[in-house]
Amino acid sequence: MTFPYDKTHLAVAADRILRDYMALQPDEEVLLTVDTSTDREGVLALAAAARTLGARYAIMEMPNLPFQGGLADPFIPKSVAEGLKHCDVWIDFTFPYISGSKTHEALKATKVRSLNILDLGAGGIARLFGQVDLDDLFELQTAFDRLIADSQGKECRVTCARGTDVTFVLGAPKAGKKRRLNEPGTSSPPGSVVILPEPASVRGTVMVPAVFHEWYTLISNPIRVEVDDRITNISGGDADLFVLDRALRRAGRGEWGQRRCHVN
């Protein structure tokens, strides 16, 4: 589903991403990676902004990756992997995405600073970066990050109308997002907060109405995930249950019970 947006905000958003958020300098090189399903409008807006700011840019397209993480490496073209090592700013529009792969891990020894736009699309880019004051957003972001950090060790409970009812103890916090990506490293779009539980403390049921197993999809019959430290059972989901089972077993070397859910 697509939502209408004011396209005049897209150019503003592209400029803010590169000039402000990514601290792009005129003599730097920007690499935009896309796949065959990427919304081109957002990509071209970033390319135009890079050129306006005096930077050099390149767009590299490849087929959609079938998997993420280390499973994606055999499908990432060598030309893309090499190109990533030689740019200053990398914006990734691929989905499934390159981050988490060995190709991505290799960038830790480089100067590259990158942003995962992923499947945000032109409308999402325009709304998040073109209509929101980044300073105001990061003031709120920092407050949430501080709240999570200060709550380490406390017990949390998450419920929803679909049937989710899960408890866990908050673990050590992840480093908060930075206002400007002016140093090497990778970030996702601002505005989200990562909550990390103590893995062994997770107990309960998680109902999953949308899943990214091998692709992203909404599910009319939500998948029910039972957790007691580890995943103990999954049910529902119709045909998507088979795909999730296959993905979990692939990632867990045959035992999906050894894996834990990543829930957004």
Protein backbone atom coordinates (compact mmCIF):
# COMPACT_ATOMS: atom_id res chain seq x y z
CA MET A 1 0.00 0.00 0.00
CA THR A 2 1.27 3.47 -0.87
CA PHE A 3 0.31 6.71 0.84
CA PRO A 4 0.16 10.18 -0.72
CA TYR A 5 2.84 12.66 0.26
CA ASP A 6 3.95 16.14 -0.67
CA LYS A 7 6.70 15.54 -3.22
CA THR A 8 8.22 18.94 -2.56
CA HIS A 9 9.40 17.48 0.74
CA LEU A 10 11.41 14.77 -1.02
CA ALA A 11 14.11 17.17 -2.25
CA VAL A 12 14.32 18.72 1.21
CA ALA A 13 14.62 15.24 2.73
CA ALA A 14 17.38 14.15 0.34
CA ASP A 15 19.37 17.31 1.12
CA ARG A 16 18.96 16.83 4.87
CA ILE A 17 20.04 13.20 4.71
CA LEU A 18 23.29 13.95 2.91
CA ARG A 19 24.23 17.48 3.96
CA ASP A 20 23.01 17.42 7.56
CA TYR A 21 22.56 13.83 8.79
CA MET A 22 25.44 12.23 6.83
CA ALA A 23 27.68 15.35 6.95
CA LEU A 24 28.57 14.91 3.27
CA GLN A 25 31.55 16.92 2.02
CA PRO A 26 31.91 18.20 -1.59
CA ASP A 27 34.94 16.04 -2.38
CA GLU A 28 33.38 12.77 -1.14
CA GLU A 29 31.87 9.86 -3.07
CA VAL A 30 28.37 8.51 -2.48
CA LEU A 31 27.35 4.96 -3.41
CA LEU A 32 23.64 4.13 -3.65
CA THR A 33 22.89 0.39 -3.72
CA VAL A 34 19.49 -0.71 -5.04
CA ASP A 35 17.78 -3.90 -6.11
CA THR A 36 15.24 -4.63 -8.82
CA SER A 37 12.31 -3.81 -6.49
CA THR A 38 13.62 -0.47 -5.18
CA ASP A 39 11.45 2.65 -5.43
CA ARG A 40 13.54 4.69 -7.85
CA GLU A 41 12.04 8.09 -6.99
CA GLY A 42 13.81 8.23 -3.64
CA VAL A 43 17.08 6.99 -5.12
CA LEU A 44 17.14 9.67 -7.81
CA ALA A 45 16.35 12.35 -5.23
CA LEU A 46 19.43 11.29 -3.21
CA ALA A 47 21.53 11.22 -6.38
CA ALA A 48 20.42 14.74 -7.32
CA ALA A 49 21.20 16.00 -3.81
CA ALA A 50 24.68 14.45 -3.91
CA ARG A 51 25.41 16.16 -7.20
CA THR A 52 24.07 19.50 -5.96
CA LEU A 53 26.32 19.25 -2.90
CA GLY A 54 29.37 18.76 -5.13
CA ALA A 55 29.92 15.07 -4.38
CA ARG A 56 30.39 12.26 -6.88
CA TYR A 57 27.83 9.47 -6.84
CA ALA A 58 27.18 6.06 -8.35
CA ILE A 59 24.11 3.83 -8.36
CA MET A 60 24.70 0.06 -8.32
CA GLU A 61 21.77 -2.27 -8.98
CA MET A 62 21.60 -5.98 -8.26
CA PRO A 63 18.85 -8.63 -8.02
CA ASN A 64 16.89 -8.89 -4.78
CA LEU A 65 18.85 -10.83 -2.19
CA PRO A 66 17.06 -14.04 -1.19
CA PHE A 67 18.41 -13.87 2.38
CA GLN A 68 20.01 -11.53 4.90
CA GLY A 69 23.08 -11.78 7.13
CA GLY A 70 25.85 -14.20 6.30
CA LEU A 71 23.44 -16.20 4.12
CA ALA A 72 23.35 -13.26 1.70
CA ASP A 73 27.07 -13.19 0.89
CA PRO A 74 27.03 -15.74 -1.96
CA PHE A 75 24.45 -13.57 -3.74
CA ILE A 76 26.15 -10.17 -3.39
CA PRO A 77 28.04 -9.34 -6.60
CA LYS A 78 31.77 -8.87 -6.11
CA SER A 79 31.57 -5.53 -7.93
CA VAL A 80 29.14 -4.27 -5.27
CA ALA A 81 31.25 -5.64 -2.41
CA GLU A 82 34.36 -3.92 -3.79
CA GLY A 83 32.54 -0.68 -4.51
CA LEU A 84 31.40 -0.43 -0.91
CA LYS A 85 35.00 -0.37 0.28
CA HIS A 86 35.90 2.67 -1.79
CA CYS A 87 33.09 5.14 -1.12
CA ASP A 88 32.76 7.65 1.71
CA VAL A 89 28.97 7.54 2.13
CA TRP A 90 26.85 4.50 1.37
CA ILE A 91 23.04 4.58 1.25
CA ASP A 92 21.50 1.12 1.01
CA PHE A 93 18.04 0.78 -0.52
CA THR A 94 18.13 -3.02 -0.90
CA PHE A 95 15.55 -5.19 0.85
CA PRO A 96 16.45 -7.84 1.96
CA TYR A 97 19.45 -5.74 2.87
CA ILE A 98 23.24 -6.06 2.79
CA SER A 99 23.84 -5.11 6.43
CA GLY A 100 24.73 -8.05 8.66
CA SER A 101 26.54 -9.89 5.90
CA LYS A 102 30.28 -10.56 5.85
CA THR A 103 30.44 -8.02 3.03
CA HIS A 104 29.08 -5.42 5.43
CA GLU A 105 31.32 -6.54 8.30
CA ALA A 106 34.38 -5.96 6.09
CA LEU A 107 33.57 -2.24 6.03
CA LYS A 108 34.50 -1.85 9.71
CA ALA A 109 38.10 -1.40 8.64
CA THR A 110 37.20 1.40 6.19
CA LYS A 111 36.13 5.05 6.35
CA VAL A 112 32.61 4.28 5.11
CA ARG A 113 29.63 5.76 6.95
CA SER A 114 26.32 4.34 5.87
CA LEU A 115 22.57 4.59 6.27
CA ASN A 116 20.06 1.80 5.72
CA ILE A 117 17.12 3.36 3.90
CA LEU A 118 15.97 -0.14 2.84
CA ASP A 119 12.32 -0.23 1.72
CA LEU A 120 11.37 3.14 3.24
CA GLY A 121 10.41 4.44 -0.21
CA ALA A 122 10.13 8.00 -1.48
CA GLY A 123 7.07 8.76 0.64
CA GLY A 124 8.71 7.49 3.82
CA ILE A 125 11.89 9.43 3.09
CA ALA A 126 9.88 12.61 2.46
CA ARG A 127 7.89 12.27 5.67
CA LEU A 128 10.69 11.22 8.01
CA PHE A 129 13.44 13.52 6.80
CA GLY A 130 11.53 16.24 4.93
CA GLN A 131 8.72 17.06 7.36
CA VAL A 132 10.42 16.46 10.71
CA ASP A 133 12.95 18.73 12.43
CA LEU A 134 15.89 16.41 13.09
CA ASP A 135 16.96 18.31 16.20
CA ASP A 136 13.49 17.88 17.70
CA LEU A 137 13.40 14.23 16.67
CA PHE A 138 16.75 13.49 18.27
CA GLU A 139 15.80 15.27 21.46
CA LEU A 140 12.95 12.78 21.76
CA GLN A 141 15.16 9.92 20.54
CA THR A 142 17.77 10.66 23.20
CA ALA A 143 15.14 10.82 25.93
CA PHE A 144 13.80 7.38 24.98
CA ASP A 145 17.31 5.93 24.74
CA ARG A 146 18.06 7.30 28.23
CA LEU A 147 14.81 5.85 29.62
CA ILE A 148 15.68 2.38 28.28
CA ALA A 149 19.25 2.59 29.58
CA ASP A 150 18.10 3.71 33.04
CA SER A 151 15.60 0.85 33.18
CA GLN A 152 18.13 -1.96 32.75
CA GLY A 153 17.22 -4.90 35.00
CA LYS A 154 13.54 -4.00 35.29
CA GLU A 155 10.84 -6.46 34.26
CA CYS A 156 8.72 -5.54 31.25
CA ARG A 157 5.44 -6.88 29.96
CA VAL A 158 4.13 -6.40 26.42
CA THR A 159 0.53 -7.16 25.50
CA CYS A 160 -1.72 -6.43 22.53
CA ALA A 161 -5.27 -7.06 21.39
CA ARG A 162 -4.15 -9.85 19.03
CA GLY A 163 -2.95 -11.96 21.94
CA THR A 164 0.67 -11.03 22.53
CA ASP A 165 1.54 -11.39 26.20
CA VAL A 166 5.25 -11.65 26.90
CA THR A 167 7.47 -10.70 29.84
CA PHE A 168 11.22 -10.16 30.00
CA VAL A 169 13.94 -8.40 31.95
CA LEU A 170 15.60 -5.44 30.20
CA GLY A 171 19.21 -6.20 29.33
CA ALA A 172 22.17 -3.93 28.70
CA PRO A 173 21.16 -1.13 26.29
CA LYS A 174 22.44 -0.75 22.79
CA ALA A 175 24.30 2.45 21.98
CA GLY A 176 21.86 5.23 21.09
CA LYS A 177 21.63 6.64 17.59
CA LYS A 178 23.85 9.59 16.71
CA ARG A 179 22.51 12.94 15.53
CA ARG A 180 25.10 13.07 12.72
CA LEU A 181 26.84 10.19 10.99
CA ASN A 182 30.18 11.98 10.65
CA GLU A 183 32.28 8.95 11.65
CA PRO A 184 32.59 5.47 10.09
CA GLY A 185 29.73 3.14 10.92
CA THR A 186 26.20 2.11 9.96
CA SER A 187 22.85 3.39 11.17
CA SER A 188 19.18 2.89 10.41
CA PRO A 189 16.72 5.79 10.11
CA PRO A 190 16.16 7.69 13.37
CA GLY A 191 12.98 7.54 15.37
CA SER A 192 13.14 3.97 16.68
CA VAL A 193 14.34 2.60 20.01
CA VAL A 194 15.97 -0.82 20.43
CA ILE A 195 14.89 -2.78 23.50
CA LEU A 196 17.15 -5.73 24.32
CA PRO A 197 15.89 -8.32 26.83
CA GLU A 198 17.95 -10.71 28.88
CA PRO A 199 17.44 -13.70 26.54
CA ALA A 200 16.87 -16.30 29.24
CA SER A 201 14.17 -14.14 30.84
CA VAL A 202 11.76 -14.08 27.89
CA ARG A 203 8.48 -15.89 28.60
CA GLY A 204 5.10 -15.84 26.90
CA THR A 205 3.37 -15.53 23.56
CA VAL A 206 4.10 -13.23 20.64
CA MET A 207 1.49 -12.84 17.90
CA VAL A 208 3.10 -11.89 14.58
CA PRO A 209 0.77 -10.18 12.03
CA ALA A 210 3.65 -9.25 9.70
CA VAL A 211 6.86 -11.18 9.19
CA PHE A 212 10.15 -10.98 7.32
CA HIS A 213 11.12 -14.61 6.92
CA GLU A 214 12.49 -14.70 3.37
CA TRP A 215 10.51 -11.67 2.24
CA TYR A 216 8.31 -9.14 4.03
CA THR A 217 4.61 -9.91 4.14
CA LEU A 218 1.43 -9.17 6.08
CA ILE A 219 -0.34 -12.24 7.47
CA SER A 220 -4.14 -12.49 7.67
CA ASN A 221 -3.81 -15.36 10.16
CA PRO A 222 -1.04 -14.22 12.57
CA ILE A 223 1.73 -16.60 13.53
CA ARG A 224 1.75 -17.54 17.21
CA VAL A 225 5.25 -17.81 18.70
CA GLU A 226 5.60 -19.45 22.12
CA VAL A 227 8.77 -18.49 23.99
CA ASP A 228 10.29 -19.90 27.19
CA ASP A 229 13.89 -18.66 26.99
CA ARG A 230 13.93 -20.22 23.53
CA ILE A 231 11.21 -20.55 20.92
CA THR A 232 9.25 -23.64 21.94
CA ASN A 233 6.48 -23.65 19.34
CA ILE A 234 5.14 -21.75 16.33
CA SER A 235 1.65 -22.12 14.87
CA GLY A 236 -0.91 -20.39 12.66
CA GLY A 237 0.18 -18.27 9.72
CA ASP A 238 -1.13 -20.63 7.02
CA ALA A 239 1.49 -20.97 4.25
CA ASP A 240 3.78 -18.42 5.92
CA LEU A 241 4.27 -20.80 8.84
CA PHE A 242 6.16 -23.18 6.54
CA VAL A 243 8.39 -20.35 5.26
CA LEU A 244 9.13 -19.05 8.77
CA ASP A 245 9.89 -22.58 9.97
CA ARG A 246 12.30 -23.02 7.07
CA ALA A 247 13.97 -19.65 7.74
CA LEU A 248 14.38 -20.33 11.46
CA ARG A 249 15.83 -23.78 10.83
CA ARG A 250 18.20 -22.43 8.21
CA ALA A 251 19.46 -19.73 10.59
CA GLY A 252 19.58 -22.16 13.55
CA ARG A 253 21.31 -25.00 11.70
CA GLY A 254 18.26 -27.18 11.76
CA GLU A 255 16.90 -26.27 15.20
CA TRP A 256 14.53 -23.29 15.28
CA GLY A 257 14.16 -23.83 18.99
CA GLN A 258 17.73 -22.53 19.35
CA ARG A 259 16.80 -19.17 17.87
CA ARG A 260 15.02 -16.18 19.39
CA CYS A 261 12.70 -13.73 17.68
CA HIS A 262 13.69 -10.26 16.56
CA VAL A 263 10.46 -8.33 17.08
CA ASN A 264 9.74 -4.80 15.83
